[in-house]
Amino acid sequence: MTFGESIKSCLNGYVKFDGRAPRSEYWWFLVFIFIVDVVAVCIDLSASTIYEKSELVSALANLALLLPNLAVCVRRLHDLNKSGWWVLLSFIPIIGPIVLIVWFATRGTVGANSFGEDPLAAA
């Protein structure tokens, strides 16, 4: 999956928590979120003054991308044949995010699993 296809897939499935997402879809969307955050922070810094700090644009960008990011995380876990509830590991300091990063970097289940067909086989 390319960068553009990943963004299109994640934004079209804004709150699609069913199905599976390949590694490329997840990681390209993470790159997109990083780019959006950098641009939003730059806009906020240019709108800030010495006495007043603006964070409006970055807050709105993060809020707008929260649900698609959560949805692609859940679909990525589904690709590993794990429940989407495992995303709650991110609230456990240090260990939780490390476990999730390892899982998100791991090849998904080859062939169909309980969450659907292999997204790589369809491509």
PDB file of N, CA and C in Angstrom:
ATOM      1  N   MET A   1       0.849  -1.176   0.000  1.00  0.00           N
ATOM      2  CA  MET A   1       0.000   0.000   0.000  1.00  0.00           C
ATOM      3  C   MET A   1       0.894   1.238   0.000  1.00  0.00           C
ATOM      4  N   THR A   2       0.561   2.180  -0.847  1.00  0.00           N
ATOM      5  CA  THR A   2       1.356   3.402  -0.950  1.00  0.00           C
ATOM      6  C   THR A   2       0.912   4.427   0.093  1.00  0.00           C
ATOM      7  N   PHE A   3       1.678   5.515   0.166  1.00  0.00           N
ATOM      8  CA  PHE A   3       1.376   6.588   1.110  1.00  0.00           C
ATOM      9  C   PHE A   3      -0.028   7.153   0.865  1.00  0.00           C
ATOM     10  N   GLY A   4      -0.324   7.479  -0.385  1.00  0.00           N
ATOM     11  CA  GLY A   4      -1.632   8.046  -0.728  1.00  0.00           C
ATOM     12  C   GLY A   4      -2.779   7.079  -0.488  1.00  0.00           C
ATOM     13  N   GLU A   5      -2.582   5.813  -0.850  1.00  0.00           N
ATOM     14  CA  GLU A   5      -3.626   4.809  -0.629  1.00  0.00           C
ATOM     15  C   GLU A   5      -3.909   4.632   0.858  1.00  0.00           C
ATOM     16  N   SER A   6      -2.857   4.675   1.656  1.00  0.00           N
ATOM     17  CA  SER A   6      -3.016   4.527   3.097  1.00  0.00           C
ATOM     18  C   SER A   6      -3.841   5.667   3.685  1.00  0.00           C
ATOM     19  N   ILE A   7      -3.510   6.891   3.296  1.00  0.00           N
ATOM     20  CA  ILE A   7      -4.246   8.051   3.808  1.00  0.00           C
ATOM     21  C   ILE A   7      -5.706   7.987   3.366  1.00  0.00           C
ATOM     22  N   LYS A   8      -5.922   7.665   2.102  1.00  0.00           N
ATOM     23  CA  LYS A   8      -7.278   7.561   1.575  1.00  0.00           C
ATOM     24  C   LYS A   8      -8.066   6.481   2.306  1.00  0.00           C
ATOM     25  N   SER A   9      -7.446   5.331   2.519  1.00  0.00           N
ATOM     26  CA  SER A   9      -8.106   4.226   3.203  1.00  0.00           C
ATOM     27  C   SER A   9      -8.472   4.588   4.639  1.00  0.00           C
ATOM     28  N   CYS A  10      -7.537   5.216   5.348  1.00  0.00           N
ATOM     29  CA  CYS A  10      -7.780   5.552   6.751  1.00  0.00           C
ATOM     30  C   CYS A  10      -8.803   6.667   6.909  1.00  0.00           C
ATOM     31  N   LEU A  11      -8.771   7.654   6.032  1.00  0.00           N
ATOM     32  CA  LEU A  11      -9.727   8.758   6.152  1.00  0.00           C
ATOM     33  C   LEU A  11     -11.112   8.377   5.629  1.00  0.00           C
ATOM     34  N   ASN A  12     -11.171   7.490   4.621  1.00  0.00           N
ATOM     35  CA  ASN A  12     -12.474   7.006   4.154  1.00  0.00           C
ATOM     36  C   ASN A  12     -13.123   6.095   5.188  1.00  0.00           C
ATOM     37  N   GLY A  13     -12.314   5.302   5.875  1.00  0.00           N
ATOM     38  CA  GLY A  13     -12.816   4.452   6.945  1.00  0.00           C
ATOM     39  C   GLY A  13     -12.604   5.135   8.284  1.00  0.00           C
ATOM     40  N   TYR A  14     -13.095   6.348   8.406  1.00  0.00           N
ATOM     41  CA  TYR A  14     -12.821   7.228   9.550  1.00  0.00           C
ATOM     42  C   TYR A  14     -13.011   6.520  10.883  1.00  0.00           C
ATOM     43  N   VAL A  15     -14.111   5.796  11.023  1.00  0.00           N
ATOM     44  CA  VAL A  15     -14.377   5.067  12.257  1.00  0.00           C
ATOM     45  C   VAL A  15     -14.675   3.595  11.958  1.00  0.00           C
ATOM     46  N   LYS A  16     -13.961   3.036  10.994  1.00  0.00           N
ATOM     47  CA  LYS A  16     -14.144   1.631  10.627  1.00  0.00           C
ATOM     48  C   LYS A  16     -13.226   0.787  11.505  1.00  0.00           C
ATOM     49  N   PHE A  17     -13.814   0.128  12.497  1.00  0.00           N
ATOM     50  CA  PHE A  17     -13.038  -0.656  13.447  1.00  0.00           C
ATOM     51  C   PHE A  17     -13.042  -2.146  13.108  1.00  0.00           C
ATOM     52  N   ASP A  18     -13.756  -2.547  12.075  1.00  0.00           N
ATOM     53  CA  ASP A  18     -13.771  -3.951  11.690  1.00  0.00           C
ATOM     54  C   ASP A  18     -12.823  -4.174  10.521  1.00  0.00           C
ATOM     55  N   GLY A  19     -12.419  -5.412  10.323  1.00  0.00           N
ATOM     56  CA  GLY A  19     -11.504  -5.729   9.239  1.00  0.00           C
ATOM     57  C   GLY A  19     -10.054  -5.690   9.692  1.00  0.00           C
ATOM     58  N   ARG A  20      -9.165  -5.702   8.716  1.00  0.00           N
ATOM     59  CA  ARG A  20      -7.738  -5.789   8.985  1.00  0.00           C
ATOM     60  C   ARG A  20      -6.978  -4.706   8.220  1.00  0.00           C
ATOM     61  N   ALA A  21      -5.848  -4.289   8.786  1.00  0.00           N
ATOM     62  CA  ALA A  21      -4.989  -3.294   8.136  1.00  0.00           C
ATOM     63  C   ALA A  21      -3.568  -3.834   8.070  1.00  0.00           C
ATOM     64  N   PRO A  22      -2.946  -3.809   6.888  1.00  0.00           N
ATOM     65  CA  PRO A  22      -1.557  -4.272   6.790  1.00  0.00           C
ATOM     66  C   PRO A  22      -0.603  -3.270   7.441  1.00  0.00           C
ATOM     67  N   ARG A  23       0.624  -3.722   7.644  1.00  0.00           N
ATOM     68  CA  ARG A  23       1.629  -2.854   8.270  1.00  0.00           C
ATOM     69  C   ARG A  23       1.802  -1.550   7.515  1.00  0.00           C
ATOM     70  N   SER A  24       1.827  -1.636   6.189  1.00  0.00           N
ATOM     71  CA  SER A  24       2.080  -0.424   5.400  1.00  0.00           C
ATOM     72  C   SER A  24       1.003   0.630   5.614  1.00  0.00           C
ATOM     73  N   GLU A  25      -0.245   0.204   5.712  1.00  0.00           N
ATOM     74  CA  GLU A  25      -1.327   1.170   5.946  1.00  0.00           C
ATOM     75  C   GLU A  25      -1.123   1.873   7.274  1.00  0.00           C
ATOM     76  N   TYR A  26      -0.812   1.147   8.311  1.00  0.00           N
ATOM     77  CA  TYR A  26      -0.627   1.733   9.635  1.00  0.00           C
ATOM     78  C   TYR A  26       0.559   2.700   9.654  1.00  0.00           C
ATOM     79  N   TRP A  27       1.724   2.246   9.177  1.00  0.00           N
ATOM     80  CA  TRP A  27       2.930   3.066   9.276  1.00  0.00           C
ATOM     81  C   TRP A  27       2.873   4.294   8.373  1.00  0.00           C
ATOM     82  N   TRP A  28       2.312   4.170   7.174  1.00  0.00           N
ATOM     83  CA  TRP A  28       2.177   5.352   6.305  1.00  0.00           C
ATOM     84  C   TRP A  28       1.216   6.359   6.924  1.00  0.00           C
ATOM     85  N   PHE A  29       0.155   5.884   7.565  1.00  0.00           N
ATOM     86  CA  PHE A  29      -0.771   6.821   8.204  1.00  0.00           C
ATOM     87  C   PHE A  29      -0.105   7.506   9.387  1.00  0.00           C
ATOM     88  N   LEU A  30       0.763   6.801  10.097  1.00  0.00           N
ATOM     89  CA  LEU A  30       1.513   7.420  11.182  1.00  0.00           C
ATOM     90  C   LEU A  30       2.438   8.520  10.660  1.00  0.00           C
ATOM     91  N   VAL A  31       3.070   8.291   9.512  1.00  0.00           N
ATOM     92  CA  VAL A  31       3.904   9.320   8.885  1.00  0.00           C
ATOM     93  C   VAL A  31       3.051  10.541   8.531  1.00  0.00           C
ATOM     94  N   PHE A  32       1.850  10.299   7.985  1.00  0.00           N
ATOM     95  CA  PHE A  32       0.932  11.387   7.646  1.00  0.00           C
ATOM     96  C   PHE A  32       0.565  12.197   8.886  1.00  0.00           C
ATOM     97  N   ILE A  33       0.254  11.514   9.987  1.00  0.00           N
ATOM     98  CA  ILE A  33      -0.096  12.209  11.231  1.00  0.00           C
ATOM     99  C   ILE A  33       1.084  13.053  11.712  1.00  0.00           C
ATOM    100  N   PHE A  34       2.298  12.523  11.614  1.00  0.00           N
ATOM    101  CA  PHE A  34       3.494  13.277  12.011  1.00  0.00           C
ATOM    102  C   PHE A  34       3.642  14.541  11.167  1.00  0.00           C
ATOM    103  N   ILE A  35       3.459  14.417   9.863  1.00  0.00           N
ATOM    104  CA  ILE A  35       3.580  15.580   8.971  1.00  0.00           C
ATOM    105  C   ILE A  35       2.521  16.624   9.306  1.00  0.00           C
ATOM    106  N   VAL A  36       1.289  16.183   9.522  1.00  0.00           N
ATOM    107  CA  VAL A  36       0.212  17.105   9.885  1.00  0.00           C
ATOM    108  C   VAL A  36       0.540  17.804  11.204  1.00  0.00           C
ATOM    109  N   ASP A  37       1.068  17.060  12.178  1.00  0.00           N
ATOM    110  CA  ASP A  37       1.433  17.664  13.462  1.00  0.00           C
ATOM    111  C   ASP A  37       2.527  18.713  13.318  1.00  0.00           C
ATOM    112  N   VAL A  38       3.530  18.420  12.505  1.00  0.00           N
ATOM    113  CA  VAL A  38       4.619  19.382  12.295  1.00  0.00           C
ATOM    114  C   VAL A  38       4.079  20.662  11.654  1.00  0.00           C
ATOM    115  N   VAL A  39       3.249  20.518  10.639  1.00  0.00           N
ATOM    116  CA  VAL A  39       2.665  21.694   9.975  1.00  0.00           C
ATOM    117  C   VAL A  39       1.789  22.476  10.950  1.00  0.00           C
ATOM    118  N   ALA A  40       0.982  21.764  11.748  1.00  0.00           N
ATOM    119  CA  ALA A  40       0.098  22.438  12.705  1.00  0.00           C
ATOM    120  C   ALA A  40       0.895  23.191  13.760  1.00  0.00           C
ATOM    121  N   VAL A  41       1.966  22.609  14.241  1.00  0.00           N
ATOM    122  CA  VAL A  41       2.801  23.291  15.235  1.00  0.00           C
ATOM    123  C   VAL A  41       3.465  24.518  14.620  1.00  0.00           C
ATOM    124  N   CYS A  42       3.908  24.417  13.386  1.00  0.00           N
ATOM    125  CA  CYS A  42       4.499  25.582  12.704  1.00  0.00           C
ATOM    126  C   CYS A  42       3.485  26.711  12.568  1.00  0.00           C
ATOM    127  N   ILE A  43       2.269  26.365  12.222  1.00  0.00           N
ATOM    128  CA  ILE A  43       1.210  27.387  12.117  1.00  0.00           C
ATOM    129  C   ILE A  43       0.950  28.001  13.484  1.00  0.00           C
ATOM    130  N   ASP A  44       0.887  27.156  14.522  1.00  0.00           N
ATOM    131  CA  ASP A  44       0.676  27.671  15.878  1.00  0.00           C
ATOM    132  C   ASP A  44       1.811  28.596  16.309  1.00  0.00           C
ATOM    133  N   LEU A  45       3.036  28.227  16.005  1.00  0.00           N
ATOM    134  CA  LEU A  45       4.176  29.071  16.381  1.00  0.00           C
ATOM    135  C   LEU A  45       4.155  30.405  15.652  1.00  0.00           C
ATOM    136  N   SER A  46       3.721  30.386  14.399  1.00  0.00           N
ATOM    137  CA  SER A  46       3.669  31.649  13.662  1.00  0.00           C
ATOM    138  C   SER A  46       2.526  32.536  14.155  1.00  0.00           C
ATOM    139  N   ALA A  47       1.495  31.923  14.740  1.00  0.00           N
ATOM    140  CA  ALA A  47       0.366  32.698  15.257  1.00  0.00           C
ATOM    141  C   ALA A  47       0.578  33.134  16.705  1.00  0.00           C
ATOM    142  N   SER A  48       1.606  32.608  17.359  1.00  0.00           N
ATOM    143  CA  SER A  48       1.867  32.942  18.759  1.00  0.00           C
ATOM    144  C   SER A  48       2.587  34.277  18.868  1.00  0.00           C
ATOM    145  N   THR A  49       2.415  34.876  20.001  1.00  0.00           N
ATOM    146  CA  THR A  49       3.145  36.099  20.317  1.00  0.00           C
ATOM    147  C   THR A  49       4.092  35.796  21.470  1.00  0.00           C
ATOM    148  N   ILE A  50       4.858  36.789  21.872  1.00  0.00           N
ATOM    149  CA  ILE A  50       5.794  36.606  22.978  1.00  0.00           C
ATOM    150  C   ILE A  50       5.038  36.289  24.262  1.00  0.00           C
ATOM    151  N   TYR A  51       3.863  36.862  24.419  1.00  0.00           N
ATOM    152  CA  TYR A  51       3.128  36.739  25.670  1.00  0.00           C
ATOM    153  C   TYR A  51       2.040  35.678  25.630  1.00  0.00           C
ATOM    154  N   GLU A  52       1.662  35.261  24.462  1.00  0.00           N
ATOM    155  CA  GLU A  52       0.550  34.328  24.349  1.00  0.00           C
ATOM    156  C   GLU A  52       0.911  33.201  23.384  1.00  0.00           C
ATOM    157  N   LYS A  53       0.797  31.968  23.872  1.00  0.00           N
ATOM    158  CA  LYS A  53       1.123  30.801  23.055  1.00  0.00           C
ATOM    159  C   LYS A  53      -0.177  30.233  22.471  1.00  0.00           C
ATOM    160  N   SER A  54      -0.172  30.001  21.171  1.00  0.00           N
ATOM    161  CA  SER A  54      -1.338  29.449  20.496  1.00  0.00           C
ATOM    162  C   SER A  54      -1.121  27.966  20.223  1.00  0.00           C
ATOM    163  N   GLU A  55      -2.104  27.134  20.545  1.00  0.00           N
ATOM    164  CA  GLU A  55      -2.053  25.705  20.255  1.00  0.00           C
ATOM    165  C   GLU A  55      -3.355  25.239  19.600  1.00  0.00           C
ATOM    166  N   LEU A  56      -4.100  26.168  19.062  1.00  0.00           N
ATOM    167  CA  LEU A  56      -5.410  25.853  18.520  1.00  0.00           C
ATOM    168  C   LEU A  56      -5.346  24.930  17.311  1.00  0.00           C
ATOM    169  N   VAL A  57      -4.483  25.224  16.355  1.00  0.00           N
ATOM    170  CA  VAL A  57      -4.418  24.434  15.121  1.00  0.00           C
ATOM    171  C   VAL A  57      -3.944  23.008  15.414  1.00  0.00           C
ATOM    172  N   SER A  58      -2.922  22.863  16.235  1.00  0.00           N
ATOM    173  CA  SER A  58      -2.435  21.515  16.544  1.00  0.00           C
ATOM    174  C   SER A  58      -3.457  20.727  17.357  1.00  0.00           C
ATOM    175  N   ALA A  59      -4.179  21.391  18.247  1.00  0.00           N
ATOM    176  CA  ALA A  59      -5.223  20.698  19.009  1.00  0.00           C
ATOM    177  C   ALA A  59      -6.348  20.223  18.086  1.00  0.00           C
ATOM    178  N   LEU A  60      -6.761  21.070  17.149  1.00  0.00           N
ATOM    179  CA  LEU A  60      -7.820  20.683  16.207  1.00  0.00           C
ATOM    180  C   LEU A  60      -7.351  19.557  15.273  1.00  0.00           C
ATOM    181  N   ALA A  61      -6.095  19.612  14.836  1.00  0.00           N
ATOM    182  CA  ALA A  61      -5.557  18.560  13.964  1.00  0.00           C
ATOM    183  C   ALA A  61      -5.511  17.226  14.700  1.00  0.00           C
ATOM    184  N   ASN A  62      -5.035  17.252  15.934  1.00  0.00           N
ATOM    185  CA  ASN A  62      -4.976  16.023  16.719  1.00  0.00           C
ATOM    186  C   ASN A  62      -6.366  15.466  17.011  1.00  0.00           C
ATOM    187  N   LEU A  63      -7.300  16.335  17.277  1.00  0.00           N
ATOM    188  CA  LEU A  63      -8.678  15.898  17.528  1.00  0.00           C
ATOM    189  C   LEU A  63      -9.297  15.292  16.267  1.00  0.00           C
ATOM    190  N   ALA A  64      -9.038  15.897  15.123  1.00  0.00           N
ATOM    191  CA  ALA A  64      -9.593  15.401  13.868  1.00  0.00           C
ATOM    192  C   ALA A  64      -9.019  14.038  13.479  1.00  0.00           C
ATOM    193  N   LEU A  65      -7.762  13.787  13.838  1.00  0.00           N
ATOM    194  CA  LEU A  65      -7.111  12.531  13.447  1.00  0.00           C
ATOM    195  C   LEU A  65      -7.145  11.458  14.532  1.00  0.00           C
ATOM    196  N   LEU A  66      -7.765  11.756  15.672  1.00  0.00           N
ATOM    197  CA  LEU A  66      -7.811  10.803  16.775  1.00  0.00           C
ATOM    198  C   LEU A  66      -8.565   9.523  16.409  1.00  0.00           C
ATOM    199  N   LEU A  67      -9.778   9.655  15.900  1.00  0.00           N
ATOM    200  CA  LEU A  67     -10.580   8.466  15.577  1.00  0.00           C
ATOM    201  C   LEU A  67     -10.011   7.631  14.435  1.00  0.00           C
ATOM    202  N   PRO A  68      -9.552   8.240  13.324  1.00  0.00           N
ATOM    203  CA  PRO A  68      -8.953   7.383  12.298  1.00  0.00           C
ATOM    204  C   PRO A  68      -7.675   6.688  12.780  1.00  0.00           C
ATOM    205  N   ASN A  69      -6.912   7.347  13.644  1.00  0.00           N
ATOM    206  CA  ASN A  69      -5.713   6.727  14.195  1.00  0.00           C
ATOM    207  C   ASN A  69      -6.091   5.539  15.085  1.00  0.00           C
ATOM    208  N   LEU A  70      -7.076   5.712  15.925  1.00  0.00           N
ATOM    209  CA  LEU A  70      -7.544   4.625  16.781  1.00  0.00           C
ATOM    210  C   LEU A  70      -8.097   3.472  15.946  1.00  0.00           C
ATOM    211  N   ALA A  71      -8.838   3.805  14.895  1.00  0.00           N
ATOM    212  CA  ALA A  71      -9.429   2.774  14.034  1.00  0.00           C
ATOM    213  C   ALA A  71      -8.352   1.966  13.323  1.00  0.00           C
ATOM    214  N   VAL A  72      -7.324   2.622  12.802  1.00  0.00           N
ATOM    215  CA  VAL A  72      -6.269   1.883  12.102  1.00  0.00           C
ATOM    216  C   VAL A  72      -5.441   1.063  13.097  1.00  0.00           C
ATOM    217  N   CYS A  73      -5.298   1.516  14.323  1.00  0.00           N
ATOM    218  CA  CYS A  73      -4.620   0.719  15.349  1.00  0.00           C
ATOM    219  C   CYS A  73      -5.399  -0.562  15.641  1.00  0.00           C
ATOM    220  N   VAL A  74      -6.706  -0.436  15.777  1.00  0.00           N
ATOM    221  CA  VAL A  74      -7.550  -1.607  16.039  1.00  0.00           C
ATOM    222  C   VAL A  74      -7.502  -2.574  14.859  1.00  0.00           C
ATOM    223  N   ARG A  75      -7.598  -2.049  13.632  1.00  0.00           N
ATOM    224  CA  ARG A  75      -7.528  -2.924  12.452  1.00  0.00           C
ATOM    225  C   ARG A  75      -6.155  -3.590  12.339  1.00  0.00           C
ATOM    226  N   ARG A  76      -5.107  -2.891  12.747  1.00  0.00           N
ATOM    227  CA  ARG A  76      -3.765  -3.481  12.725  1.00  0.00           C
ATOM    228  C   ARG A  76      -3.681  -4.639  13.714  1.00  0.00           C
ATOM    229  N   LEU A  77      -4.277  -4.457  14.898  1.00  0.00           N
ATOM    230  CA  LEU A  77      -4.314  -5.549  15.879  1.00  0.00           C
ATOM    231  C   LEU A  77      -5.145  -6.718  15.350  1.00  0.00           C
ATOM    232  N   HIS A  78      -6.220  -6.413  14.644  1.00  0.00           N
ATOM    233  CA  HIS A  78      -7.025  -7.475  14.037  1.00  0.00           C
ATOM    234  C   HIS A  78      -6.205  -8.272  13.028  1.00  0.00           C
ATOM    235  N   ASP A  79      -5.296  -7.612  12.320  1.00  0.00           N
ATOM    236  CA  ASP A  79      -4.447  -8.306  11.357  1.00  0.00           C
ATOM    237  C   ASP A  79      -3.542  -9.317  12.053  1.00  0.00           C
ATOM    238  N   LEU A  80      -3.256  -9.077  13.325  1.00  0.00           N
ATOM    239  CA  LEU A  80      -2.440  -9.999  14.119  1.00  0.00           C
ATOM    240  C   LEU A  80      -3.312 -11.025  14.846  1.00  0.00           C
ATOM    241  N   ASN A  81      -4.627 -11.009  14.548  1.00  0.00           N
ATOM    242  CA  ASN A  81      -5.610 -11.896  15.180  1.00  0.00           C
ATOM    243  C   ASN A  81      -5.717 -11.620  16.682  1.00  0.00           C
ATOM    244  N   LYS A  82      -5.626 -10.351  17.051  1.00  0.00           N
ATOM    245  CA  LYS A  82      -5.778  -9.908  18.433  1.00  0.00           C
ATOM    246  C   LYS A  82      -6.974  -8.977  18.518  1.00  0.00           C
ATOM    247  N   SER A  83      -7.585  -8.942  19.663  1.00  0.00           N
ATOM    248  CA  SER A  83      -8.714  -8.052  19.886  1.00  0.00           C
ATOM    249  C   SER A  83      -8.254  -6.597  19.854  1.00  0.00           C
ATOM    250  N   GLY A  84      -9.129  -5.725  19.401  1.00  0.00           N
ATOM    251  CA  GLY A  84      -8.822  -4.305  19.377  1.00  0.00           C
ATOM    252  C   GLY A  84      -8.659  -3.707  20.760  1.00  0.00           C
ATOM    253  N   TRP A  85      -9.149  -4.389  21.770  1.00  0.00           N
ATOM    254  CA  TRP A  85      -9.025  -3.889  23.133  1.00  0.00           C
ATOM    255  C   TRP A  85      -7.573  -3.851  23.598  1.00  0.00           C
ATOM    256  N   TRP A  86      -6.682  -4.576  22.907  1.00  0.00           N
ATOM    257  CA  TRP A  86      -5.268  -4.547  23.261  1.00  0.00           C
ATOM    258  C   TRP A  86      -4.668  -3.152  23.074  1.00  0.00           C
ATOM    259  N   VAL A  87      -5.350  -2.281  22.360  1.00  0.00           N
ATOM    260  CA  VAL A  87      -4.851  -0.918  22.181  1.00  0.00           C
ATOM    261  C   VAL A  87      -4.775  -0.186  23.528  1.00  0.00           C
ATOM    262  N   LEU A  88      -5.510  -0.668  24.506  1.00  0.00           N
ATOM    263  CA  LEU A  88      -5.467  -0.061  25.843  1.00  0.00           C
ATOM    264  C   LEU A  88      -4.116  -0.273  26.532  1.00  0.00           C
ATOM    265  N   LEU A  89      -3.279  -1.138  25.969  1.00  0.00           N
ATOM    266  CA  LEU A  89      -1.917  -1.293  26.497  1.00  0.00           C
ATOM    267  C   LEU A  89      -1.145   0.021  26.448  1.00  0.00           C
ATOM    268  N   SER A  90      -1.547   0.900  25.556  1.00  0.00           N
ATOM    269  CA  SER A  90      -0.839   2.176  25.425  1.00  0.00           C
ATOM    270  C   SER A  90      -0.902   3.013  26.703  1.00  0.00           C
ATOM    271  N   PHE A  91      -1.835   2.690  27.609  1.00  0.00           N
ATOM    272  CA  PHE A  91      -1.942   3.438  28.860  1.00  0.00           C
ATOM    273  C   PHE A  91      -1.001   2.922  29.946  1.00  0.00           C
ATOM    274  N   ILE A  92      -0.345   1.792  29.701  1.00  0.00           N
ATOM    275  CA  ILE A  92       0.641   1.278  30.653  1.00  0.00           C
ATOM    276  C   ILE A  92       1.983   1.932  30.304  1.00  0.00           C
ATOM    277  N   PRO A  93       2.545   2.707  31.218  1.00  0.00           N
ATOM    278  CA  PRO A  93       3.781   3.435  30.902  1.00  0.00           C
ATOM    279  C   PRO A  93       4.922   2.513  30.453  1.00  0.00           C
ATOM    280  N   ILE A  94       5.668   2.960  29.501  1.00  0.00           N
ATOM    281  CA  ILE A  94       6.881   2.358  28.934  1.00  0.00           C
ATOM    282  C   ILE A  94       6.622   1.000  28.284  1.00  0.00           C
ATOM    283  N   ILE A  95       6.195   0.019  29.043  1.00  0.00           N
ATOM    284  CA  ILE A  95       6.048  -1.344  28.530  1.00  0.00           C
ATOM    285  C   ILE A  95       4.920  -1.453  27.506  1.00  0.00           C
ATOM    286  N   GLY A  96       3.776  -0.840  27.777  1.00  0.00           N
ATOM    287  CA  GLY A  96       2.627  -0.930  26.877  1.00  0.00           C
ATOM    288  C   GLY A  96       2.927  -0.432  25.470  1.00  0.00           C
ATOM    289  N   PRO A  97       3.437   0.790  25.317  1.00  0.00           N
ATOM    290  CA  PRO A  97       3.760   1.272  23.969  1.00  0.00           C
ATOM    291  C   PRO A  97       4.828   0.442  23.265  1.00  0.00           C
ATOM    292  N   ILE A  98       5.792  -0.073  24.009  1.00  0.00           N
ATOM    293  CA  ILE A  98       6.833  -0.909  23.395  1.00  0.00           C
ATOM    294  C   ILE A  98       6.217  -2.181  22.828  1.00  0.00           C
ATOM    295  N   VAL A  99       5.345  -2.825  23.596  1.00  0.00           N
ATOM    296  CA  VAL A  99       4.668  -4.044  23.127  1.00  0.00           C
ATOM    297  C   VAL A  99       3.856  -3.742  21.875  1.00  0.00           C
ATOM    298  N   LEU A 100       3.124  -2.634  21.879  1.00  0.00           N
ATOM    299  CA  LEU A 100       2.312  -2.279  20.713  1.00  0.00           C
ATOM    300  C   LEU A 100       3.178  -2.003  19.490  1.00  0.00           C
ATOM    301  N   ILE A 101       4.292  -1.313  19.660  1.00  0.00           N
ATOM    302  CA  ILE A 101       5.184  -1.036  18.523  1.00  0.00           C
ATOM    303  C   ILE A 101       5.703  -2.342  17.931  1.00  0.00           C
ATOM    304  N   VAL A 102       6.089  -3.277  18.782  1.00  0.00           N
ATOM    305  CA  VAL A 102       6.567  -4.572  18.294  1.00  0.00           C
ATOM    306  C   VAL A 102       5.458  -5.285  17.536  1.00  0.00           C
ATOM    307  N   TRP A 103       4.253  -5.288  18.088  1.00  0.00           N
ATOM    308  CA  TRP A 103       3.125  -5.939  17.417  1.00  0.00           C
ATOM    309  C   TRP A 103       2.819  -5.263  16.084  1.00  0.00           C
ATOM    310  N   PHE A 104       2.813  -3.932  16.068  1.00  0.00           N
ATOM    311  CA  PHE A 104       2.481  -3.210  14.841  1.00  0.00           C
ATOM    312  C   PHE A 104       3.534  -3.409  13.757  1.00  0.00           C
ATOM    313  N   ALA A 105       4.758  -3.765  14.146  1.00  0.00           N
ATOM    314  CA  ALA A 105       5.825  -4.008  13.180  1.00  0.00           C
ATOM    315  C   ALA A 105       5.886  -5.475  12.733  1.00  0.00           C
ATOM    316  N   THR A 106       5.073  -6.316  13.351  1.00  0.00           N
ATOM    317  CA  THR A 106       5.075  -7.746  13.051  1.00  0.00           C
ATOM    318  C   THR A 106       4.147  -8.053  11.879  1.00  0.00           C
ATOM    319  N   ARG A 107       4.540  -9.013  11.049  1.00  0.00           N
ATOM    320  CA  ARG A 107       3.708  -9.459   9.925  1.00  0.00           C
ATOM    321  C   ARG A 107       2.410 -10.009  10.467  1.00  0.00           C
ATOM    322  N   GLY A 108       1.312  -9.654   9.848  1.00  0.00           N
ATOM    323  CA  GLY A 108       0.000 -10.131  10.260  1.00  0.00           C
ATOM    324  C   GLY A 108      -0.201 -11.604   9.948  1.00  0.00           C
ATOM    325  N   THR A 109      -1.329 -12.113  10.366  1.00  0.00           N
ATOM    326  CA  THR A 109      -1.677 -13.501  10.128  1.00  0.00           C
ATOM    327  C   THR A 109      -1.761 -13.761   8.629  1.00  0.00           C
ATOM    328  N   VAL A 110      -1.082 -14.794   8.178  1.00  0.00           N
ATOM    329  CA  VAL A 110      -1.131 -15.168   6.765  1.00  0.00           C
ATOM    330  C   VAL A 110      -2.452 -15.889   6.522  1.00  0.00           C
ATOM    331  N   GLY A 111      -3.176 -15.447   5.513  1.00  0.00           N
ATOM    332  CA  GLY A 111      -4.480 -16.029   5.224  1.00  0.00           C
ATOM    333  C   GLY A 111      -5.563 -15.414   6.094  1.00  0.00           C
ATOM    334  N   ALA A 112      -6.737 -15.994   6.015  1.00  0.00           N
ATOM    335  CA  ALA A 112      -7.881 -15.472   6.770  1.00  0.00           C
ATOM    336  C   ALA A 112      -7.708 -15.755   8.260  1.00  0.00           C
ATOM    337  N   ASN A 113      -8.227 -14.844   9.073  1.00  0.00           N
ATOM    338  CA  ASN A 113      -8.316 -15.086  10.508  1.00  0.00           C
ATOM    339  C   ASN A 113      -9.730 -14.715  10.955  1.00  0.00           C
ATOM    340  N   SER A 114      -9.967 -14.655  12.252  1.00  0.00           N
ATOM    341  CA  SER A 114     -11.322 -14.410  12.739  1.00  0.00           C
ATOM    342  C   SER A 114     -11.823 -12.994  12.460  1.00  0.00           C
ATOM    343  N   PHE A 115     -10.945 -12.099  11.951  1.00  0.00           N
ATOM    344  CA  PHE A 115     -11.344 -10.729  11.663  1.00  0.00           C
ATOM    345  C   PHE A 115     -11.466 -10.435  10.170  1.00  0.00           C
ATOM    346  N   GLY A 116     -11.223 -11.426   9.332  1.00  0.00           N
ATOM    347  CA  GLY A 116     -11.399 -11.225   7.896  1.00  0.00           C
ATOM    348  C   GLY A 116     -10.278 -11.830   7.077  1.00  0.00           C
ATOM    349  N   GLU A 117     -10.324 -11.522   5.792  1.00  0.00           N
ATOM    350  CA  GLU A 117      -9.320 -12.031   4.852  1.00  0.00           C
ATOM    351  C   GLU A 117      -8.009 -11.276   4.999  1.00  0.00           C
ATOM    352  N   ASP A 118      -6.943 -11.888   4.542  1.00  0.00           N
ATOM    353  CA  ASP A 118      -5.615 -11.282   4.555  1.00  0.00           C
ATOM    354  C   ASP A 118      -5.598 -10.085   3.613  1.00  0.00           C
ATOM    355  N   PRO A 119      -5.302  -8.858   4.115  1.00  0.00           N
ATOM    356  CA  PRO A 119      -5.293  -7.694   3.236  1.00  0.00           C
ATOM    357  C   PRO A 119      -4.173  -7.734   2.195  1.00  0.00           C
ATOM    358  N   LEU A 120      -3.112  -8.458   2.470  1.00  0.00           N
ATOM    359  CA  LEU A 120      -2.017  -8.569   1.514  1.00  0.00           C
ATOM    360  C   LEU A 120      -2.344  -9.547   0.394  1.00  0.00           C
ATOM    361  N   ALA A 121      -3.170 -10.546   0.685  1.00  0.00           N
ATOM    362  CA  ALA A 121      -3.569 -11.511  -0.342  1.00  0.00           C
ATOM    363  C   ALA A 121      -4.499 -10.855  -1.351  1.00  0.00           C
ATOM    364  N   ALA A 122      -5.286  -9.868  -0.915  1.00  0.00           N
ATOM    365  CA  ALA A 122      -6.220  -9.181  -1.796  1.00  0.00           C
ATOM    366  C   ALA A 122      -5.474  -8.262  -2.770  1.00  0.00           C
ATOM    367  N   ALA A 123      -4.289  -7.802  -2.360  1.00  0.00           N
ATOM    368  CA  ALA A 123      -3.519  -6.873  -3.205  1.00  0.00           C
ATOM    369  C   ALA A 123      -2.788  -7.573  -4.239  1.00  0.00           C
TER     370      ALA A 123
END
